[in-house]
Every structure is written in structure tokens, then in C-alpha cells.
C-alpha atoms as a PDB file:
ATOM      1  CA  MET A   1     208.599   3.571 199.392  1.00  0.00           C
ATOM      2  CA  VAL A   2     209.128   6.400 201.920  1.00  0.00           C
ATOM      3  CA  LEU A   3     212.005   7.742 199.840  1.00  0.00           C
ATOM      4  CA  ARG A   4     209.788   7.780 196.756  1.00  0.00           C
ATOM      5  CA  LYS A   5     207.063   9.747 198.593  1.00  0.00           C
ATOM      6  CA  LEU A   6     209.649  12.233 199.847  1.00  0.00           C
ATOM      7  CA  LEU A   7     210.999  12.702 196.329  1.00  0.00           C
ATOM      8  CA  ILE A   8     207.489  13.301 194.964  1.00  0.00           C
ATOM      9  CA  ILE A   9     206.712  15.797 197.739  1.00  0.00           C
ATOM     10  CA  PHE A  10     210.029  17.558 197.165  1.00  0.00           C
ATOM     11  CA  PHE A  11     209.315  17.707 193.408  1.00  0.00           C
ATOM     12  CA  VAL A  12     205.818  19.162 193.919  1.00  0.00           C
ATOM     13  CA  ILE A  13     207.096  21.750 196.419  1.00  0.00           C
ATOM     14  CA  SER A  14     209.885  22.763 194.060  1.00  0.00           C
ATOM     15  CA  LEU A  15     207.276  23.424 191.361  1.00  0.00           C
ATOM     16  CA  ILE A  16     204.977  25.427 193.638  1.00  0.00           C
ATOM     17  CA  ALA A  17     207.568  27.329 195.700  1.00  0.00           C
ATOM     18  CA  PRO A  18     208.744  29.735 192.966  1.00  0.00           C
ATOM     19  CA  TRP A  19     205.146  30.774 192.318  1.00  0.00           C
ATOM     20  CA  LYS A  20     204.512  31.254 196.012  1.00  0.00           C
ATOM     21  CA  LEU A  21     207.703  33.255 196.472  1.00  0.00           C
ATOM     22  CA  CYS A  22     207.024  35.667 193.619  1.00  0.00           C
ATOM     23  CA  TRP A  23     203.276  35.970 194.201  1.00  0.00           C
ATOM     24  CA  GLY A  24     202.669  39.536 195.348  1.00  0.00           C
ATOM     25  CA  GLU A  25     206.282  40.553 194.854  1.00  0.00           C
ATOM     26  CA  ASN A  26     205.741  41.954 191.359  1.00  0.00           C
ATOM     27  CA  PHE A  27     203.688  44.983 192.273  1.00  0.00           C
ATOM     28  CA  ASP A  28     204.637  48.383 190.880  1.00  0.00           C
ATOM     29  CA  PHE A  29     202.746  50.469 193.457  1.00  0.00           C
ATOM     30  CA  ARG A  30     200.973  49.203 196.578  1.00  0.00           C
ATOM     31  CA  HIS A  31     199.083  46.104 195.386  1.00  0.00           C
ATOM     32  CA  THR A  32     198.820  47.191 191.757  1.00  0.00           C
ATOM     33  CA  ARG A  33     200.670  46.816 188.501  1.00  0.00           C
ATOM     34  CA  TRP A  34     200.918  49.457 185.792  1.00  0.00           C
ATOM     35  CA  GLY A  35     198.299  48.931 183.112  1.00  0.00           C
ATOM     36  CA  MET A  36     195.582  47.643 185.468  1.00  0.00           C
ATOM     37  CA  THR A  37     192.013  48.844 184.890  1.00  0.00           C
ATOM     38  CA  GLN A  38     190.080  50.986 187.372  1.00  0.00           C
ATOM     39  CA  SER A  39     188.085  47.912 188.418  1.00  0.00           C
ATOM     40  CA  ASP A  40     191.301  45.976 189.091  1.00  0.00           C
ATOM     41  CA  VAL A  41     192.685  48.820 191.206  1.00  0.00           C
ATOM     42  CA  ILE A  42     189.478  49.147 193.226  1.00  0.00           C
ATOM     43  CA  SER A  43     189.599  45.390 193.873  1.00  0.00           C
ATOM     44  CA  SER A  44     193.215  45.697 195.041  1.00  0.00           C
ATOM     45  CA  GLU A  45     192.209  48.304 197.641  1.00  0.00           C
ATOM     46  CA  GLU A  46     189.667  45.982 199.236  1.00  0.00           C
ATOM     47  CA  LYS A  47     189.862  47.606 202.690  1.00  0.00           C
ATOM     48  CA  MET A  48     189.013  51.116 201.437  1.00  0.00           C
ATOM     49  CA  ASP A  49     186.255  52.747 199.453  1.00  0.00           C
ATOM     50  CA  PRO A  50     187.062  55.527 196.984  1.00  0.00           C
ATOM     51  CA  VAL A  51     186.097  59.035 198.088  1.00  0.00           C
ATOM     52  CA  GLU A  52     186.047  60.190 194.462  1.00  0.00           C
ATOM     53  CA  ARG A  53     186.106  58.517 191.072  1.00  0.00           C
ATOM     54  CA  THR A  54     186.343  60.092 187.633  1.00  0.00           C
ATOM     55  CA  GLU A  55     187.206  58.779 184.186  1.00  0.00           C
ATOM     56  CA  ASN A  56     190.927  59.313 184.816  1.00  0.00           C
ATOM     57  CA  MET A  57     191.338  59.150 188.609  1.00  0.00           C
ATOM     58  CA  ILE A  58     190.358  57.253 191.744  1.00  0.00           C
ATOM     59  CA  THR A  59     190.939  58.973 195.102  1.00  0.00           C
ATOM     60  CA  TYR A  60     191.150  57.420 198.558  1.00  0.00           C
ATOM     61  CA  LYS A  61     191.846  58.831 202.022  1.00  0.00           C
ATOM     62  CA  THR A  62     194.397  56.771 203.914  1.00  0.00           C
ATOM     63  CA  GLN A  63     197.513  56.991 206.055  1.00  0.00           C
ATOM     64  CA  ILE A  64     201.196  56.315 205.450  1.00  0.00           C
ATOM     65  CA  SER A  65     203.701  56.549 208.296  1.00  0.00           C
ATOM     66  CA  ASN A  66     200.944  57.874 210.571  1.00  0.00           C
ATOM     67  CA  LYS A  67     200.333  60.809 208.218  1.00  0.00           C
ATOM     68  CA  ASN A  68     196.959  61.507 206.606  1.00  0.00           C
ATOM     69  CA  VAL A  69     197.218  61.440 202.819  1.00  0.00           C
ATOM     70  CA  LEU A  70     195.071  61.481 199.739  1.00  0.00           C
ATOM     71  CA  LEU A  71     195.927  58.524 197.513  1.00  0.00           C
ATOM     72  CA  ASN A  72     195.232  59.156 193.837  1.00  0.00           C
ATOM     73  CA  TYR A  73     195.435  56.545 191.100  1.00  0.00           C
ATOM     74  CA  LEU A  74     195.756  58.064 187.608  1.00  0.00           C
ATOM     75  CA  PHE A  75     194.514  56.409 184.414  1.00  0.00           C
ATOM     76  CA  ALA A  76     194.841  56.940 180.677  1.00  0.00           C
ATOM     77  CA  GLN A  77     192.698  54.850 178.352  1.00  0.00           C
ATOM     78  CA  ASP A  78     191.512  52.925 181.455  1.00  0.00           C
ATOM     79  CA  LYS A  79     195.068  51.799 182.226  1.00  0.00           C
ATOM     80  CA  LEU A  80     196.876  52.653 185.440  1.00  0.00           C
ATOM     81  CA  VAL A  81     199.748  54.986 184.510  1.00  0.00           C
ATOM     82  CA  GLY A  82     200.572  56.714 187.781  1.00  0.00           C
ATOM     83  CA  ALA A  83     199.686  57.312 191.390  1.00  0.00           C
ATOM     84  CA  PHE A  84     200.502  59.821 194.059  1.00  0.00           C
ATOM     85  CA  TYR A  85     200.131  60.494 197.743  1.00  0.00           C
ATOM     86  CA  LYS A  86     199.398  64.073 198.778  1.00  0.00           C
ATOM     87  CA  LEU A  87     199.897  64.951 202.427  1.00  0.00           C
ATOM     88  CA  ASP A  88     196.513  65.842 203.913  1.00  0.00           C
ATOM     89  CA  ASP A  89     197.735  67.102 207.305  1.00  0.00           C
ATOM     90  CA  ASN A  90     197.875  70.758 208.264  1.00  0.00           C
ATOM     91  CA  TYR A  91     200.643  72.042 210.514  1.00  0.00           C
ATOM     92  CA  LEU A  92     200.792  75.397 212.265  1.00  0.00           C
ATOM     93  CA  ASN A  93     204.585  75.223 212.168  1.00  0.00           C
ATOM     94  CA  SER A  94     205.729  74.896 208.543  1.00  0.00           C
ATOM     95  CA  ASP A  95     208.935  73.214 209.700  1.00  0.00           C
ATOM     96  CA  HIS A  96     206.801  70.094 210.294  1.00  0.00           C
ATOM     97  CA  PHE A  97     206.285  69.862 206.530  1.00  0.00           C
ATOM     98  CA  ILE A  98     210.048  69.723 206.034  1.00  0.00           C
ATOM     99  CA  GLN A  99     210.331  67.019 208.708  1.00  0.00           C
ATOM    100  CA  THR A 100     207.574  64.990 207.020  1.00  0.00           C
ATOM    101  CA  TYR A 101     209.284  65.368 203.640  1.00  0.00           C
ATOM    102  CA  LEU A 102     212.563  64.147 205.161  1.00  0.00           C
ATOM    103  CA  GLN A 103     210.749  61.214 206.791  1.00  0.00           C
ATOM    104  CA  PHE A 104     209.161  60.185 203.461  1.00  0.00           C
ATOM    105  CA  LYS A 105     212.514  60.605 201.711  1.00  0.00           C
ATOM    106  CA  ARG A 106     214.222  58.366 204.272  1.00  0.00           C
ATOM    107  CA  ILE A 107     211.558  55.640 203.897  1.00  0.00           C
ATOM    108  CA  LEU A 108     211.780  55.746 200.085  1.00  0.00           C
ATOM    109  CA  THR A 109     215.574  55.566 200.268  1.00  0.00           C
ATOM    110  CA  GLU A 110     215.323  52.499 202.513  1.00  0.00           C
ATOM    111  CA  LYS A 111     212.981  50.839 200.013  1.00  0.00           C
ATOM    112  CA  TYR A 112     214.476  51.944 196.650  1.00  0.00           C
ATOM    113  CA  GLY A 113     218.086  52.727 197.506  1.00  0.00           C
ATOM    114  CA  LEU A 114     219.987  55.931 196.986  1.00  0.00           C
ATOM    115  CA  PRO A 115     218.116  58.533 194.922  1.00  0.00           C
ATOM    116  CA  SER A 116     219.104  59.106 191.314  1.00  0.00           C
ATOM    117  CA  GLU A 117     218.763  62.857 191.826  1.00  0.00           C
ATOM    118  CA  GLU A 118     217.847  65.342 194.534  1.00  0.00           C
ATOM    119  CA  PHE A 119     217.839  69.072 194.935  1.00  0.00           C
ATOM    120  CA  THR A 120     216.890  71.965 197.150  1.00  0.00           C
ATOM    121  CA  ASN A 121     216.045  75.010 195.096  1.00  0.00           C
ATOM    122  CA  TRP A 122     216.208  78.366 196.849  1.00  0.00           C
ATOM    123  CA  LEU A 123     214.030  80.821 194.924  1.00  0.00           C
ATOM    124  CA  ASN A 124     214.713  83.557 197.486  1.00  0.00           C
ATOM    125  CA  ASP A 125     217.849  83.477 199.683  1.00  0.00           C
ATOM    126  CA  THR A 126     216.476  85.617 202.541  1.00  0.00           C
ATOM    127  CA  TYR A 127     216.371  82.743 205.069  1.00  0.00           C
ATOM    128  CA  ARG A 128     218.826  80.356 203.416  1.00  0.00           C
ATOM    129  CA  ASN A 129     221.492  80.761 206.108  1.00  0.00           C
ATOM    130  CA  ASN A 130     219.041  80.686 209.021  1.00  0.00           C
ATOM    131  CA  ARG A 131     218.026  77.042 209.584  1.00  0.00           C
ATOM    132  CA  LYS A 132     215.425  78.050 212.185  1.00  0.00           C
ATOM    133  CA  LYS A 133     213.538  79.996 209.498  1.00  0.00           C
ATOM    134  CA  TRP A 134     213.441  77.274 206.799  1.00  0.00           C
ATOM    135  CA  GLY A 135     209.810  76.441 207.647  1.00  0.00           C
ATOM    136  CA  LEU A 136     208.929  80.092 207.170  1.00  0.00           C
ATOM    137  CA  ALA A 137     210.906  80.144 203.920  1.00  0.00           C
ATOM    138  CA  MET A 138     208.882  77.129 202.749  1.00  0.00           C
ATOM    139  CA  SER A 139     205.556  78.757 203.605  1.00  0.00           C
ATOM    140  CA  LEU A 140     206.589  81.893 201.703  1.00  0.00           C
ATOM    141  CA  GLY A 141     207.567  79.911 198.606  1.00  0.00           C
ATOM    142  CA  HIS A 142     211.264  80.730 198.966  1.00  0.00           C
ATOM    143  CA  THR A 143     212.419  77.111 198.653  1.00  0.00           C
ATOM    144  CA  GLU A 144     211.414  73.768 197.198  1.00  0.00           C
ATOM    145  CA  TYR A 145     212.727  70.245 197.637  1.00  0.00           C
ATOM    146  CA  ALA A 146     212.629  67.195 195.354  1.00  0.00           C
ATOM    147  CA  THR A 147     214.178  63.738 195.348  1.00  0.00           C
ATOM    148  CA  PHE A 148     213.933  61.146 192.549  1.00  0.00           C
ATOM    149  CA  TRP A 149     214.343  57.382 192.244  1.00  0.00           C
ATOM    150  CA  LYS A 150     214.019  55.081 189.272  1.00  0.00           C
ATOM    151  CA  THR A 151     213.217  51.370 189.227  1.00  0.00           C
ATOM    152  CA  GLN A 152     212.818  49.084 186.254  1.00  0.00           C
ATOM    153  CA  ASN A 153     209.148  50.057 185.805  1.00  0.00           C
ATOM    154  CA  THR A 154     208.653  53.228 187.825  1.00  0.00           C
ATOM    155  CA  THR A 155     209.931  56.751 188.334  1.00  0.00           C
ATOM    156  CA  ILE A 156     209.383  58.066 191.849  1.00  0.00           C
ATOM    157  CA  GLU A 157     209.418  61.647 193.069  1.00  0.00           C
ATOM    158  CA  CYS A 158     209.152  62.984 196.604  1.00  0.00           C
ATOM    159  CA  SER A 159     208.648  66.738 196.573  1.00  0.00           C
ATOM    160  CA  LEU A 160     207.841  69.641 198.870  1.00  0.00           C
ATOM    161  CA  ARG A 161     206.879  73.086 197.622  1.00  0.00           C
ATOM    162  CA  GLU A 162     204.524  76.006 198.155  1.00  0.00           C
ATOM    163  CA  GLU A 163     201.745  76.604 195.651  1.00  0.00           C
ATOM    164  CA  ASN A 164     198.975  79.204 195.986  1.00  0.00           C
ATOM    165  CA  TYR A 165     199.677  79.690 199.712  1.00  0.00           C
ATOM    166  CA  ASN A 166     199.509  75.941 200.380  1.00  0.00           C
ATOM    167  CA  ILE A 167     202.445  73.681 201.146  1.00  0.00           C
ATOM    168  CA  LEU A 168     202.338  70.519 199.054  1.00  0.00           C
ATOM    169  CA  CYS A 169     204.175  67.376 200.084  1.00  0.00           C
ATOM    170  CA  ILE A 170     203.659  64.833 197.307  1.00  0.00           C
ATOM    171  CA  LEU A 171     204.979  61.361 196.518  1.00  0.00           C
ATOM    172  CA  LYS A 172     204.531  60.580 192.805  1.00  0.00           C
ATOM    173  CA  PHE A 173     204.883  57.186 191.125  1.00  0.00           C
ATOM    174  CA  TRP A 174     204.802  57.019 187.292  1.00  0.00           C
ATOM    175  CA  SER A 175     204.813  54.044 184.970  1.00  0.00           C
ATOM    176  CA  ILE A 176     207.770  54.059 182.610  1.00  0.00           C
ATOM    177  CA  GLY A 177     206.150  51.616 180.176  1.00  0.00           C
ATOM    178  CA  HIS A 178     202.784  53.385 179.983  1.00  0.00           C
ATOM    179  CA  SER A 179     203.939  57.016 179.796  1.00  0.00           C
ATOM    180  CA  HIS A 180     203.046  57.131 176.094  1.00  0.00           C
ATOM    181  CA  LEU A 181     199.350  56.813 177.055  1.00  0.00           C
ATOM    182  CA  LEU A 182     199.571  60.106 178.924  1.00  0.00           C
ATOM    183  CA  GLU A 183     201.021  61.864 175.884  1.00  0.00           C
ATOM    184  CA  GLU A 184     198.325  60.391 173.637  1.00  0.00           C
ATOM    185  CA  GLY A 185     195.672  61.550 176.096  1.00  0.00           C
ATOM    186  CA  LYS A 186     197.102  65.090 176.132  1.00  0.00           C
ATOM    187  CA  LYS A 187     197.052  65.218 172.317  1.00  0.00           C
ATOM    188  CA  GLU A 188     193.423  64.036 172.247  1.00  0.00           C
ATOM    189  CA  SER A 189     192.424  66.656 174.837  1.00  0.00           C
ATOM    190  CA  LYS A 190     193.997  69.442 172.777  1.00  0.00           C
ATOM    191  CA  MET A 191     192.211  68.212 169.646  1.00  0.00           C
ATOM    192  CA  ASP A 192     188.877  68.199 171.508  1.00  0.00           C
ATOM    193  CA  LEU A 193     189.169  71.990 171.826  1.00  0.00           C
ATOM    194  CA  PHE A 194     188.600  72.381 168.091  1.00  0.00           C
END
């Protein structure tokens, strides 16, 4: 009788365990999956309220690795197609931006493995051989950094560059399976001009 109860309990646990183990493990970005609606994404971020919401984007203020960031979810046809973190900290010493980029890159490498591609692009070589001036080179737009990863469902980019006198450190996550919705949206926008 005891053996029979143990067998039944073992059987029930073996049916439930796979669901329990994979529950929450299938997310593409944070607690979301590509293709979710805006309402689904807002529900997934239950501890935060959006600071901005448009037809194609939801923005939150949050932190990752003790850094202030803007978190943006991007939508096409009310389906989640991408997301990105934009560093929202200001540093007097531009070298801190490079250190933050390297910190984000290290964390992404720990999570996703070795990058599929990375580069440092020197647009002006003035400070290239002077490591102490690389922060200055960044602030002047002389260099840019980017690292890429690819998973089954997502392309990931960690980048650092200067744009309009601002240094941008951005982590982008794009759906591979929903990228066609972005292209369709771009075509529709161009047609709206006529």
C-alpha cells in the first residue's frame, strides 16, 4: 500500500516537474517573450510603472548593475520586437563610460557566452596610442565600441559611441523571429508620407 502511494506520488511529480523547471526559463528578455502585447509587457514589469508610453514604445527608469538606465520596449503591430537599455548616468570623466561598457560586456559574456563579433572603431587616431586619453577620445567622437551576441531568438548588441556631444552606452535586444514586423512598419510609414 505504501509502495503504491509512493509510486503515485513519484508519477505525479514526474508530470509536474518538467513544467516547474521550464516555467520562467523561456523568456527572451527580462520577463518577456518576443511577440507579447504592450499590456502583457506592462504586466510583466509589475514592480515598475512606465514613465512614457506611445504606440510603439514603453519606457521605464530602472537600474542594472547599480547603473541608472532607461529601459525601452519596442513594438510593431502591438508585438514586442525589441528592447534596449540606455545608460542614464552622467560622468565627468568619460573613461567611466568605457569602464561601464566593459562591465556590461563582461556580464553579457557571462550570460550568453563568447560574442559572435566585436570591434573598436577608431575614427580619429589622435589618442589611439595613449590609453590615458581614451575617455577623451570617446567624448570627442574619435572611437566607438560594439560587441554582438546571437541566441536562438535574439540578437544582442552592447555599444558605446558619441552622438551629438553625448556619450551613448546602449544594450540592444532584437527579436529574430519578429524582425519582419519592423520592416513592414517602415514601409507603411514611408507610404503614409504620400
